[in-house]
């Protein structure tokens, strides 16, 4: 009788063990990671913000570069295309650093990566926006400081490793007025905001970000570039990292929580190219 009871208890314990294991396995499967299609369905419900300027032949650009040239070589009807008709095709001739564009590390530093060597995993990143637009409005020569970065971190925590960090100055609101973007004084010195080297070193070396971006034509402030001083840009590209210049609409994205997509072509040995950049809001 005692043996029978012990056997029954053993069976009950075994049954309960199997039952609990099944429950845990079911709970685990229910909490499994969403599929990529499920993530895509979620992303479709989010707001997308284009961070890219439309470019043409007359846009603001670094003064040492020529303007873009375009030619329509085929047009729908006769008499327009220089080579024929039946469809629409154009030839674009512009420097790689044109419009909202990507600078490959090799743009400044020999031996670093060109565009074709940048991994596509570096094109989908957490977006950090450091907002200094009021300071830039009060002082067009303003440089984003380490204190500005630390203030951001007080609000949101450490800048995420691998992030894309953008400096918001609202300078893009001057687009496409080249004179307003350059904001030169009577002596020819440009006055537009930029980064400080101290902030850049902290972000790339301490926080290990993947890339940075800004709204003016240059990484360094205008008072520096007017003297041929590109210290900050040389530093960023010297880290074998890319940057995006001439961003737009940073006032339409949050300082924290968005994702940025940075897309650009893959020319062999390319030093730069117009980019299409957009944010997906949380």
C-alpha atoms as a PDB file:
ATOM      1  CA  UNK A   1       0.000   0.000   0.000  1.00  0.00           C
ATOM      2  CA  UNK A   2       2.795   2.392   0.923  1.00  0.00           C
ATOM      3  CA  UNK A   3       4.674   1.477  -2.255  1.00  0.00           C
ATOM      4  CA  UNK A   4       1.556   2.234  -4.307  1.00  0.00           C
ATOM      5  CA  UNK A   5       1.155   5.657  -2.687  1.00  0.00           C
ATOM      6  CA  UNK A   6       4.799   6.481  -3.286  1.00  0.00           C
ATOM      7  CA  UNK A   7       4.401   5.489  -6.921  1.00  0.00           C
ATOM      8  CA  UNK A   8       1.311   7.679  -7.263  1.00  0.00           C
ATOM      9  CA  UNK A   9       3.122  10.615  -5.660  1.00  0.00           C
ATOM     10  CA  UNK A  10       6.025  10.128  -8.047  1.00  0.00           C
ATOM     11  CA  UNK A  11       3.657  10.140 -11.014  1.00  0.00           C
ATOM     12  CA  UNK A  12       1.928  13.258  -9.712  1.00  0.00           C
ATOM     13  CA  UNK A  13       5.282  15.027  -9.253  1.00  0.00           C
ATOM     14  CA  UNK A  14       6.321  13.960 -12.746  1.00  0.00           C
ATOM     15  CA  UNK A  15       3.034  15.203 -14.192  1.00  0.00           C
ATOM     16  CA  UNK A  16       3.339  18.530 -12.427  1.00  0.00           C
ATOM     17  CA  UNK A  17       6.917  18.874 -13.648  1.00  0.00           C
ATOM     18  CA  UNK A  18       5.870  18.258 -17.244  1.00  0.00           C
ATOM     19  CA  UNK A  19       2.954  20.669 -16.848  1.00  0.00           C
ATOM     20  CA  UNK A  20       5.116  23.441 -15.418  1.00  0.00           C
ATOM     21  CA  UNK A  21       7.753  22.896 -18.096  1.00  0.00           C
ATOM     22  CA  UNK A  22       5.081  23.200 -20.782  1.00  0.00           C
ATOM     23  CA  UNK A  23       3.780  26.396 -19.230  1.00  0.00           C
ATOM     24  CA  UNK A  24       7.254  27.910 -19.114  1.00  0.00           C
ATOM     25  CA  UNK A  25       7.975  26.864 -22.686  1.00  0.00           C
ATOM     26  CA  UNK A  26       4.679  28.361 -23.849  1.00  0.00           C
ATOM     27  CA  UNK A  27       5.380  31.589 -21.972  1.00  0.00           C
ATOM     28  CA  UNK A  28       8.856  31.701 -23.479  1.00  0.00           C
ATOM     29  CA  UNK A  29       7.543  31.235 -26.994  1.00  0.00           C
ATOM     30  CA  UNK A  30       4.900  33.913 -26.392  1.00  0.00           C
ATOM     31  CA  UNK A  31       7.635  36.324 -25.320  1.00  0.00           C
ATOM     32  CA  UNK A  32       9.852  35.481 -28.296  1.00  0.00           C
ATOM     33  CA  UNK A  33      11.394  38.265 -30.329  1.00  0.00           C
ATOM     34  CA  UNK A  34       9.099  39.731 -32.987  1.00  0.00           C
ATOM     35  CA  UNK A  35       9.834  38.780 -36.571  1.00  0.00           C
ATOM     36  CA  UNK A  36      11.300  41.290 -39.009  1.00  0.00           C
ATOM     37  CA  UNK A  37       7.924  41.568 -40.728  1.00  0.00           C
ATOM     38  CA  UNK A  38       6.281  42.361 -37.390  1.00  0.00           C
ATOM     39  CA  UNK A  39       8.913  45.042 -36.774  1.00  0.00           C
ATOM     40  CA  UNK A  40       8.253  46.400 -40.267  1.00  0.00           C
ATOM     41  CA  UNK A  41       4.520  46.561 -39.570  1.00  0.00           C
ATOM     42  CA  UNK A  42       5.292  48.573 -36.425  1.00  0.00           C
ATOM     43  CA  UNK A  43       7.657  50.932 -38.249  1.00  0.00           C
ATOM     44  CA  UNK A  44       4.993  51.652 -40.875  1.00  0.00           C
ATOM     45  CA  UNK A  45       2.850  53.213 -38.173  1.00  0.00           C
ATOM     46  CA  UNK A  46       5.599  55.663 -37.127  1.00  0.00           C
ATOM     47  CA  UNK A  47       6.260  59.163 -38.413  1.00  0.00           C
ATOM     48  CA  UNK A  48       9.122  59.528 -40.899  1.00  0.00           C
ATOM     49  CA  UNK A  49      10.998  62.837 -41.233  1.00  0.00           C
ATOM     50  CA  UNK A  50      13.185  63.616 -44.244  1.00  0.00           C
ATOM     51  CA  UNK A  51      16.462  65.186 -43.108  1.00  0.00           C
ATOM     52  CA  UNK A  52      17.598  65.877 -46.684  1.00  0.00           C
ATOM     53  CA  UNK A  53      17.609  69.036 -48.804  1.00  0.00           C
ATOM     54  CA  UNK A  54      16.530  68.841 -52.443  1.00  0.00           C
ATOM     55  CA  UNK A  55      19.543  69.754 -54.559  1.00  0.00           C
ATOM     56  CA  UNK A  56      19.885  71.485 -57.906  1.00  0.00           C
ATOM     57  CA  UNK A  57      22.461  73.583 -59.751  1.00  0.00           C
ATOM     58  CA  UNK A  58      22.236  76.696 -57.544  1.00  0.00           C
ATOM     59  CA  UNK A  59      22.381  75.398 -53.985  1.00  0.00           C
ATOM     60  CA  UNK A  60      24.763  76.543 -51.210  1.00  0.00           C
ATOM     61  CA  UNK A  61      28.072  74.707 -51.320  1.00  0.00           C
ATOM     62  CA  UNK A  62      31.686  74.972 -50.242  1.00  0.00           C
ATOM     63  CA  UNK A  63      33.101  77.934 -52.212  1.00  0.00           C
ATOM     64  CA  UNK A  64      36.000  75.931 -53.595  1.00  0.00           C
ATOM     65  CA  UNK A  65      33.691  73.586 -55.526  1.00  0.00           C
ATOM     66  CA  UNK A  66      32.126  74.235 -58.957  1.00  0.00           C
ATOM     67  CA  UNK A  67      28.381  74.356 -59.475  1.00  0.00           C
ATOM     68  CA  UNK A  68      26.469  71.324 -60.637  1.00  0.00           C
ATOM     69  CA  UNK A  69      25.794  70.899 -64.354  1.00  0.00           C
ATOM     70  CA  UNK A  70      22.895  68.900 -65.789  1.00  0.00           C
ATOM     71  CA  UNK A  71      22.065  67.705 -69.253  1.00  0.00           C
ATOM     72  CA  UNK A  72      18.884  66.063 -70.499  1.00  0.00           C
ATOM     73  CA  UNK A  73      20.132  63.481 -72.958  1.00  0.00           C
ATOM     74  CA  UNK A  74      16.758  61.800 -73.610  1.00  0.00           C
ATOM     75  CA  UNK A  75      13.239  63.265 -73.457  1.00  0.00           C
ATOM     76  CA  UNK A  76       9.762  61.862 -74.018  1.00  0.00           C
ATOM     77  CA  UNK A  77       9.351  63.757 -77.275  1.00  0.00           C
ATOM     78  CA  UNK A  78      11.679  64.982 -80.000  1.00  0.00           C
ATOM     79  CA  UNK A  79      13.714  68.181 -79.824  1.00  0.00           C
ATOM     80  CA  UNK A  80      14.733  68.273 -76.148  1.00  0.00           C
ATOM     81  CA  UNK A  81      17.143  65.423 -75.450  1.00  0.00           C
ATOM     82  CA  UNK A  82      20.636  65.880 -76.804  1.00  0.00           C
ATOM     83  CA  UNK A  83      20.915  62.177 -77.661  1.00  0.00           C
ATOM     84  CA  UNK A  84      17.392  61.057 -78.433  1.00  0.00           C
ATOM     85  CA  UNK A  85      13.815  60.656 -77.232  1.00  0.00           C
ATOM     86  CA  UNK A  86      11.274  58.109 -75.987  1.00  0.00           C
ATOM     87  CA  UNK A  87      12.065  58.339 -72.257  1.00  0.00           C
ATOM     88  CA  UNK A  88      13.582  60.756 -69.723  1.00  0.00           C
ATOM     89  CA  UNK A  89      17.286  60.467 -68.785  1.00  0.00           C
ATOM     90  CA  UNK A  90      19.787  62.989 -67.440  1.00  0.00           C
ATOM     91  CA  UNK A  91      23.501  63.369 -66.874  1.00  0.00           C
ATOM     92  CA  UNK A  92      24.457  64.950 -63.554  1.00  0.00           C
ATOM     93  CA  UNK A  93      27.905  66.453 -63.092  1.00  0.00           C
ATOM     94  CA  UNK A  94      28.638  67.567 -59.544  1.00  0.00           C
ATOM     95  CA  UNK A  95      31.257  67.168 -56.860  1.00  0.00           C
ATOM     96  CA  UNK A  96      30.662  64.347 -54.385  1.00  0.00           C
ATOM     97  CA  UNK A  97      30.180  66.843 -51.543  1.00  0.00           C
ATOM     98  CA  UNK A  98      26.959  68.267 -52.994  1.00  0.00           C
ATOM     99  CA  UNK A  99      23.739  69.062 -51.153  1.00  0.00           C
ATOM    100  CA  UNK A 100      23.019  66.942 -48.096  1.00  0.00           C
ATOM    101  CA  UNK A 101      25.986  64.619 -48.467  1.00  0.00           C
ATOM    102  CA  UNK A 102      28.175  62.005 -46.868  1.00  0.00           C
ATOM    103  CA  UNK A 103      31.878  62.565 -46.330  1.00  0.00           C
ATOM    104  CA  UNK A 104      33.838  59.329 -46.368  1.00  0.00           C
ATOM    105  CA  UNK A 105      36.877  59.233 -44.062  1.00  0.00           C
ATOM    106  CA  UNK A 106      39.125  59.264 -47.134  1.00  0.00           C
ATOM    107  CA  UNK A 107      37.764  62.717 -48.028  1.00  0.00           C
ATOM    108  CA  UNK A 108      40.401  64.144 -45.682  1.00  0.00           C
ATOM    109  CA  UNK A 109      42.627  61.293 -44.577  1.00  0.00           C
ATOM    110  CA  UNK A 110      44.581  59.074 -46.966  1.00  0.00           C
ATOM    111  CA  UNK A 111      44.421  55.382 -46.135  1.00  0.00           C
ATOM    112  CA  UNK A 112      41.017  55.512 -44.445  1.00  0.00           C
ATOM    113  CA  UNK A 113      37.766  54.116 -45.828  1.00  0.00           C
ATOM    114  CA  UNK A 114      36.079  55.208 -49.032  1.00  0.00           C
ATOM    115  CA  UNK A 115      32.301  55.045 -49.544  1.00  0.00           C
ATOM    116  CA  UNK A 116      32.341  51.533 -50.960  1.00  0.00           C
ATOM    117  CA  UNK A 117      34.057  50.312 -47.786  1.00  0.00           C
ATOM    118  CA  UNK A 118      31.449  51.602 -45.323  1.00  0.00           C
ATOM    119  CA  UNK A 119      29.375  48.728 -43.916  1.00  0.00           C
ATOM    120  CA  UNK A 120      25.617  48.975 -44.414  1.00  0.00           C
ATOM    121  CA  UNK A 121      25.170  48.283 -40.690  1.00  0.00           C
ATOM    122  CA  UNK A 122      26.544  51.786 -40.131  1.00  0.00           C
ATOM    123  CA  UNK A 123      23.578  53.269 -42.001  1.00  0.00           C
ATOM    124  CA  UNK A 124      20.828  52.396 -39.478  1.00  0.00           C
ATOM    125  CA  UNK A 125      21.599  53.999 -36.131  1.00  0.00           C
ATOM    126  CA  UNK A 126      20.109  55.469 -32.937  1.00  0.00           C
ATOM    127  CA  UNK A 127      19.686  59.212 -33.464  1.00  0.00           C
ATOM    128  CA  UNK A 128      20.888  61.701 -30.870  1.00  0.00           C
ATOM    129  CA  UNK A 129      20.057  65.374 -31.480  1.00  0.00           C
ATOM    130  CA  UNK A 130      21.899  67.947 -29.394  1.00  0.00           C
ATOM    131  CA  UNK A 131      19.912  71.157 -29.590  1.00  0.00           C
ATOM    132  CA  UNK A 132      21.936  74.387 -29.512  1.00  0.00           C
ATOM    133  CA  UNK A 133      19.747  76.401 -31.897  1.00  0.00           C
ATOM    134  CA  UNK A 134      19.026  79.160 -29.384  1.00  0.00           C
ATOM    135  CA  UNK A 135      22.725  79.569 -28.629  1.00  0.00           C
ATOM    136  CA  UNK A 136      23.502  79.662 -32.362  1.00  0.00           C
ATOM    137  CA  UNK A 137      20.803  82.275 -32.899  1.00  0.00           C
ATOM    138  CA  UNK A 138      22.389  84.474 -30.223  1.00  0.00           C
ATOM    139  CA  UNK A 139      25.928  83.804 -31.453  1.00  0.00           C
ATOM    140  CA  UNK A 140      26.424  82.555 -35.039  1.00  0.00           C
ATOM    141  CA  UNK A 141      30.026  81.612 -34.174  1.00  0.00           C
ATOM    142  CA  UNK A 142      28.836  79.198 -31.490  1.00  0.00           C
ATOM    143  CA  UNK A 143      30.575  75.844 -31.155  1.00  0.00           C
ATOM    144  CA  UNK A 144      28.862  72.865 -29.556  1.00  0.00           C
ATOM    145  CA  UNK A 145      30.742  72.163 -26.337  1.00  0.00           C
ATOM    146  CA  UNK A 146      31.334  69.199 -24.061  1.00  0.00           C
ATOM    147  CA  UNK A 147      29.005  70.892 -21.571  1.00  0.00           C
ATOM    148  CA  UNK A 148      26.233  70.741 -24.182  1.00  0.00           C
ATOM    149  CA  UNK A 149      26.793  67.004 -24.524  1.00  0.00           C
ATOM    150  CA  UNK A 150      26.799  66.531 -20.751  1.00  0.00           C
ATOM    151  CA  UNK A 151      23.553  68.490 -20.467  1.00  0.00           C
ATOM    152  CA  UNK A 152      21.981  66.113 -22.983  1.00  0.00           C
ATOM    153  CA  UNK A 153      23.230  63.156 -20.950  1.00  0.00           C
ATOM    154  CA  UNK A 154      21.735  64.585 -17.763  1.00  0.00           C
ATOM    155  CA  UNK A 155      18.326  64.404 -19.446  1.00  0.00           C
ATOM    156  CA  UNK A 156      18.569  61.109 -21.303  1.00  0.00           C
ATOM    157  CA  UNK A 157      21.522  59.131 -19.977  1.00  0.00           C
ATOM    158  CA  UNK A 158      24.773  58.282 -21.769  1.00  0.00           C
ATOM    159  CA  UNK A 159      24.912  58.810 -25.517  1.00  0.00           C
ATOM    160  CA  UNK A 160      24.325  55.296 -26.907  1.00  0.00           C
ATOM    161  CA  UNK A 161      27.326  53.488 -28.327  1.00  0.00           C
ATOM    162  CA  UNK A 162      27.113  53.399 -32.112  1.00  0.00           C
ATOM    163  CA  UNK A 163      24.780  56.403 -32.305  1.00  0.00           C
ATOM    164  CA  UNK A 164      24.541  59.065 -34.978  1.00  0.00           C
ATOM    165  CA  UNK A 165      24.885  62.413 -33.194  1.00  0.00           C
ATOM    166  CA  UNK A 166      23.460  65.476 -34.934  1.00  0.00           C
ATOM    167  CA  UNK A 167      23.973  69.097 -33.929  1.00  0.00           C
ATOM    168  CA  UNK A 168      20.769  71.107 -34.255  1.00  0.00           C
ATOM    169  CA  UNK A 169      21.374  74.789 -34.971  1.00  0.00           C
ATOM    170  CA  UNK A 170      18.385  75.507 -37.264  1.00  0.00           C
ATOM    171  CA  UNK A 171      20.944  76.814 -39.774  1.00  0.00           C
ATOM    172  CA  UNK A 172      19.145  74.740 -42.412  1.00  0.00           C
ATOM    173  CA  UNK A 173      16.264  77.221 -42.285  1.00  0.00           C
ATOM    174  CA  UNK A 174      18.499  79.610 -44.255  1.00  0.00           C
ATOM    175  CA  UNK A 175      18.569  77.140 -47.169  1.00  0.00           C
ATOM    176  CA  UNK A 176      18.803  77.694 -50.144  1.00  0.00           C
ATOM    177  CA  UNK A 177      20.175  81.218 -49.597  1.00  0.00           C
ATOM    178  CA  UNK A 178      23.926  80.728 -50.037  1.00  0.00           C
ATOM    179  CA  UNK A 179      24.785  84.185 -48.693  1.00  0.00           C
ATOM    180  CA  UNK A 180      22.696  83.615 -45.566  1.00  0.00           C
ATOM    181  CA  UNK A 181      24.244  80.189 -45.033  1.00  0.00           C
ATOM    182  CA  UNK A 182      27.768  81.608 -45.274  1.00  0.00           C
ATOM    183  CA  UNK A 183      26.879  84.759 -43.300  1.00  0.00           C
ATOM    184  CA  UNK A 184      30.115  86.549 -44.209  1.00  0.00           C
ATOM    185  CA  UNK A 185      31.107  89.924 -42.804  1.00  0.00           C
ATOM    186  CA  UNK A 186      32.623  92.775 -44.816  1.00  0.00           C
ATOM    187  CA  UNK A 187      36.076  91.254 -44.458  1.00  0.00           C
ATOM    188  CA  UNK A 188      34.836  88.003 -45.984  1.00  0.00           C
ATOM    189  CA  UNK A 189      34.945  85.975 -42.780  1.00  0.00           C
ATOM    190  CA  UNK A 190      32.093  83.470 -42.547  1.00  0.00           C
ATOM    191  CA  UNK A 191      30.008  83.244 -39.394  1.00  0.00           C
ATOM    192  CA  UNK A 192      28.163  79.964 -38.874  1.00  0.00           C
ATOM    193  CA  UNK A 193      28.179  77.479 -35.979  1.00  0.00           C
ATOM    194  CA  UNK A 194      30.244  74.308 -35.685  1.00  0.00           C
ATOM    195  CA  UNK A 195      31.543  71.633 -33.377  1.00  0.00           C
ATOM    196  CA  UNK A 196      34.250  71.911 -30.741  1.00  0.00           C
ATOM    197  CA  UNK A 197      37.103  69.434 -30.787  1.00  0.00           C
ATOM    198  CA  UNK A 198      36.579  68.613 -27.113  1.00  0.00           C
ATOM    199  CA  UNK A 199      32.979  67.534 -27.743  1.00  0.00           C
ATOM    200  CA  UNK A 200      33.959  65.511 -30.807  1.00  0.00           C
ATOM    201  CA  UNK A 201      36.690  63.643 -28.930  1.00  0.00           C
ATOM    202  CA  UNK A 202      34.308  62.785 -26.106  1.00  0.00           C
ATOM    203  CA  UNK A 203      31.659  61.484 -28.481  1.00  0.00           C
ATOM    204  CA  UNK A 204      33.938  59.397 -30.681  1.00  0.00           C
ATOM    205  CA  UNK A 205      36.445  58.190 -28.094  1.00  0.00           C
ATOM    206  CA  UNK A 206      34.400  57.938 -24.895  1.00  0.00           C
ATOM    207  CA  UNK A 207      30.901  57.257 -26.208  1.00  0.00           C
ATOM    208  CA  UNK A 208      32.139  55.468 -29.349  1.00  0.00           C
ATOM    209  CA  UNK A 209      29.558  56.903 -31.717  1.00  0.00           C
ATOM    210  CA  UNK A 210      29.447  55.769 -35.334  1.00  0.00           C
ATOM    211  CA  UNK A 211      28.849  59.073 -37.146  1.00  0.00           C
ATOM    212  CA  UNK A 212      27.954  62.732 -36.733  1.00  0.00           C
ATOM    213  CA  UNK A 213      26.087  65.347 -38.716  1.00  0.00           C
ATOM    214  CA  UNK A 214      25.213  69.036 -38.846  1.00  0.00           C
ATOM    215  CA  UNK A 215      23.259  71.657 -40.797  1.00  0.00           C
ATOM    216  CA  UNK A 216      25.974  74.110 -41.982  1.00  0.00           C
ATOM    217  CA  UNK A 217      28.345  73.388 -44.861  1.00  0.00           C
ATOM    218  CA  UNK A 218      31.235  72.491 -42.540  1.00  0.00           C
ATOM    219  CA  UNK A 219      32.052  70.652 -39.339  1.00  0.00           C
ATOM    220  CA  UNK A 220      34.134  73.546 -38.042  1.00  0.00           C
ATOM    221  CA  UNK A 221      32.673  77.016 -37.416  1.00  0.00           C
ATOM    222  CA  UNK A 222      32.879  79.625 -40.157  1.00  0.00           C
ATOM    223  CA  UNK A 223      35.464  81.735 -38.364  1.00  0.00           C
ATOM    224  CA  UNK A 224      37.784  78.712 -38.466  1.00  0.00           C
ATOM    225  CA  UNK A 225      37.118  77.552 -42.027  1.00  0.00           C
ATOM    226  CA  UNK A 226      37.615  81.122 -43.268  1.00  0.00           C
ATOM    227  CA  UNK A 227      41.218  80.719 -42.107  1.00  0.00           C
ATOM    228  CA  UNK A 228      41.567  77.282 -43.655  1.00  0.00           C
ATOM    229  CA  UNK A 229      41.219  75.564 -40.279  1.00  0.00           C
ATOM    230  CA  UNK A 230      39.332  72.254 -40.548  1.00  0.00           C
ATOM    231  CA  UNK A 231      40.514  70.730 -37.278  1.00  0.00           C
ATOM    232  CA  UNK A 232      37.214  69.108 -36.283  1.00  0.00           C
ATOM    233  CA  UNK A 233      36.472  67.663 -39.714  1.00  0.00           C
ATOM    234  CA  UNK A 234      40.010  66.283 -39.922  1.00  0.00           C
ATOM    235  CA  UNK A 235      39.539  64.709 -36.514  1.00  0.00           C
ATOM    236  CA  UNK A 236      36.203  63.014 -37.310  1.00  0.00           C
ATOM    237  CA  UNK A 237      37.333  61.588 -40.632  1.00  0.00           C
ATOM    238  CA  UNK A 238      40.665  60.667 -39.076  1.00  0.00           C
ATOM    239  CA  UNK A 239      38.753  58.319 -36.747  1.00  0.00           C
ATOM    240  CA  UNK A 240      37.765  56.404 -39.908  1.00  0.00           C
ATOM    241  CA  UNK A 241      34.167  57.538 -39.355  1.00  0.00           C
ATOM    242  CA  UNK A 242      31.824  59.224 -41.793  1.00  0.00           C
ATOM    243  CA  UNK A 243      29.824  62.412 -41.353  1.00  0.00           C
ATOM    244  CA  UNK A 244      26.774  64.034 -42.954  1.00  0.00           C
ATOM    245  CA  UNK A 245      26.742  67.720 -43.830  1.00  0.00           C
ATOM    246  CA  UNK A 246      23.850  70.046 -44.681  1.00  0.00           C
ATOM    247  CA  UNK A 247      21.168  68.185 -42.758  1.00  0.00           C
ATOM    248  CA  UNK A 248      17.605  69.532 -42.720  1.00  0.00           C
ATOM    249  CA  UNK A 249      14.533  69.398 -40.445  1.00  0.00           C
ATOM    250  CA  UNK A 250      16.322  68.568 -37.209  1.00  0.00           C
ATOM    251  CA  UNK A 251      13.737  70.755 -35.487  1.00  0.00           C
ATOM    252  CA  UNK A 252      11.124  68.110 -36.377  1.00  0.00           C
ATOM    253  CA  UNK A 253      12.753  65.188 -34.563  1.00  0.00           C
ATOM    254  CA  UNK A 254      13.129  64.516 -30.823  1.00  0.00           C
ATOM    255  CA  UNK A 255      16.448  64.816 -29.041  1.00  0.00           C
ATOM    256  CA  UNK A 256      16.253  61.168 -28.016  1.00  0.00           C
ATOM    257  CA  UNK A 257      14.550  57.979 -29.116  1.00  0.00           C
ATOM    258  CA  UNK A 258      14.483  58.209 -32.915  1.00  0.00           C
ATOM    259  CA  UNK A 259      16.321  56.072 -35.459  1.00  0.00           C
ATOM    260  CA  UNK A 260      18.198  57.528 -38.424  1.00  0.00           C
ATOM    261  CA  UNK A 261      18.644  55.905 -41.827  1.00  0.00           C
ATOM    262  CA  UNK A 262      21.592  57.186 -43.866  1.00  0.00           C
ATOM    263  CA  UNK A 263      21.577  56.002 -47.483  1.00  0.00           C
ATOM    264  CA  UNK A 264      24.064  56.798 -50.216  1.00  0.00           C
ATOM    265  CA  UNK A 265      25.448  55.168 -53.394  1.00  0.00           C
ATOM    266  CA  UNK A 266      28.488  52.896 -53.518  1.00  0.00           C
ATOM    267  CA  UNK A 267      30.966  54.425 -55.970  1.00  0.00           C
ATOM    268  CA  UNK A 268      34.311  52.669 -56.078  1.00  0.00           C
ATOM    269  CA  UNK A 269      36.936  54.715 -54.209  1.00  0.00           C
ATOM    270  CA  UNK A 270      34.327  57.423 -53.557  1.00  0.00           C
ATOM    271  CA  UNK A 271      35.197  60.339 -51.270  1.00  0.00           C
ATOM    272  CA  UNK A 272      31.639  61.604 -50.911  1.00  0.00           C
ATOM    273  CA  UNK A 273      28.197  61.679 -52.499  1.00  0.00           C
ATOM    274  CA  UNK A 274      24.743  63.223 -52.050  1.00  0.00           C
ATOM    275  CA  UNK A 275      22.893  61.232 -49.376  1.00  0.00           C
ATOM    276  CA  UNK A 276      19.262  60.579 -48.508  1.00  0.00           C
ATOM    277  CA  UNK A 277      18.844  60.775 -44.754  1.00  0.00           C
ATOM    278  CA  UNK A 278      15.632  60.304 -42.786  1.00  0.00           C
ATOM    279  CA  UNK A 279      14.524  59.721 -39.211  1.00  0.00           C
ATOM    280  CA  UNK A 280      11.928  57.315 -37.859  1.00  0.00           C
ATOM    281  CA  UNK A 281      10.285  58.816 -34.801  1.00  0.00           C
ATOM    282  CA  UNK A 282       9.418  56.818 -31.667  1.00  0.00           C
END
